[in-house]
Amino acid sequence: MQEELAECCARLGDIGHARDSARQALAVLEHDQVFVDSQPHRLARLRELAR
């Protein structure tokens, strides 16, 4: 859910909330090896939003 929220906030121009949500999503998803292996583009996008 945090990944989707990050994307929505980014599209609305709310970069601060997008960054916070992306960081929360990364805290979970970076430890999910299946996600890391199968979704590199989504992981990269979250890392971009988290900066």
C-alpha atoms as a PDB file:
ATOM      1  CA  MET A   1       0.000   0.000   0.000  1.00  0.00           C
ATOM      2  CA  GLN A   2       2.843   2.409   0.772  1.00  0.00           C
ATOM      3  CA  GLU A   3       4.233   1.905  -2.724  1.00  0.00           C
ATOM      4  CA  GLU A   4       0.931   2.978  -4.271  1.00  0.00           C
ATOM      5  CA  LEU A   5       0.630   5.921  -1.901  1.00  0.00           C
ATOM      6  CA  ALA A   6       4.138   7.045  -2.841  1.00  0.00           C
ATOM      7  CA  GLU A   7       3.257   6.978  -6.532  1.00  0.00           C
ATOM      8  CA  CYS A   8      -0.006   8.868  -5.996  1.00  0.00           C
ATOM      9  CA  CYS A   9       1.675  11.544  -3.894  1.00  0.00           C
ATOM     10  CA  ALA A  10       4.441  11.930  -6.475  1.00  0.00           C
ATOM     11  CA  ARG A  11       1.913  12.412  -9.261  1.00  0.00           C
ATOM     12  CA  LEU A  12       0.123  15.031  -7.196  1.00  0.00           C
ATOM     13  CA  GLY A  13       3.393  16.857  -6.604  1.00  0.00           C
ATOM     14  CA  ASP A  14       3.563  16.053  -2.888  1.00  0.00           C
ATOM     15  CA  ILE A  15       7.186  14.972  -2.938  1.00  0.00           C
ATOM     16  CA  GLY A  16       7.606  14.941   0.851  1.00  0.00           C
ATOM     17  CA  HIS A  17       4.809  12.435   1.385  1.00  0.00           C
ATOM     18  CA  ALA A  18       5.936  10.456  -1.656  1.00  0.00           C
ATOM     19  CA  ARG A  19       9.425  10.195  -0.170  1.00  0.00           C
ATOM     20  CA  ASP A  20       8.113   9.114   3.239  1.00  0.00           C
ATOM     21  CA  SER A  21       5.820   6.475   1.756  1.00  0.00           C
ATOM     22  CA  ALA A  22       8.544   5.162  -0.543  1.00  0.00           C
ATOM     23  CA  ARG A  23      10.915   4.825   2.401  1.00  0.00           C
ATOM     24  CA  GLN A  24       8.300   2.884   4.355  1.00  0.00           C
ATOM     25  CA  ALA A  25       7.699   0.583   1.389  1.00  0.00           C
ATOM     26  CA  LEU A  26      11.429   0.055   0.908  1.00  0.00           C
ATOM     27  CA  ALA A  27      11.886  -0.861   4.563  1.00  0.00           C
ATOM     28  CA  VAL A  28       9.694  -3.897   3.934  1.00  0.00           C
ATOM     29  CA  LEU A  29      10.206  -4.754   0.272  1.00  0.00           C
ATOM     30  CA  GLU A  30      14.019  -4.621   0.232  1.00  0.00           C
ATOM     31  CA  HIS A  31      13.955  -7.637   2.563  1.00  0.00           C
ATOM     32  CA  ASP A  32      11.590  -9.640   0.356  1.00  0.00           C
ATOM     33  CA  GLN A  33      13.933 -11.597  -1.886  1.00  0.00           C
ATOM     34  CA  VAL A  34      11.149 -12.665  -4.240  1.00  0.00           C
ATOM     35  CA  PHE A  35      10.208  -9.010  -4.783  1.00  0.00           C
ATOM     36  CA  VAL A  36      13.857  -7.975  -5.193  1.00  0.00           C
ATOM     37  CA  ASP A  37      14.481 -10.701  -7.772  1.00  0.00           C
ATOM     38  CA  SER A  38      11.246 -10.344  -9.719  1.00  0.00           C
ATOM     39  CA  GLN A  39      10.517  -6.592  -9.586  1.00  0.00           C
ATOM     40  CA  PRO A  40      13.786  -4.701 -10.124  1.00  0.00           C
ATOM     41  CA  HIS A  41      12.043  -1.835 -11.940  1.00  0.00           C
ATOM     42  CA  ARG A  42       9.605  -1.267  -9.072  1.00  0.00           C
ATOM     43  CA  LEU A  43      12.426  -1.412  -6.538  1.00  0.00           C
ATOM     44  CA  ALA A  44      14.408   1.135  -8.547  1.00  0.00           C
ATOM     45  CA  ARG A  45      11.386   3.428  -8.726  1.00  0.00           C
ATOM     46  CA  LEU A  46      10.911   3.262  -4.960  1.00  0.00           C
ATOM     47  CA  ARG A  47      14.559   4.092  -4.435  1.00  0.00           C
ATOM     48  CA  GLU A  48      14.185   7.064  -6.771  1.00  0.00           C
ATOM     49  CA  LEU A  49      11.137   8.331  -4.880  1.00  0.00           C
ATOM     50  CA  ALA A  50      12.830   7.801  -1.510  1.00  0.00           C
ATOM     51  CA  ARG A  51      15.682  10.246  -2.281  1.00  0.00           C
END
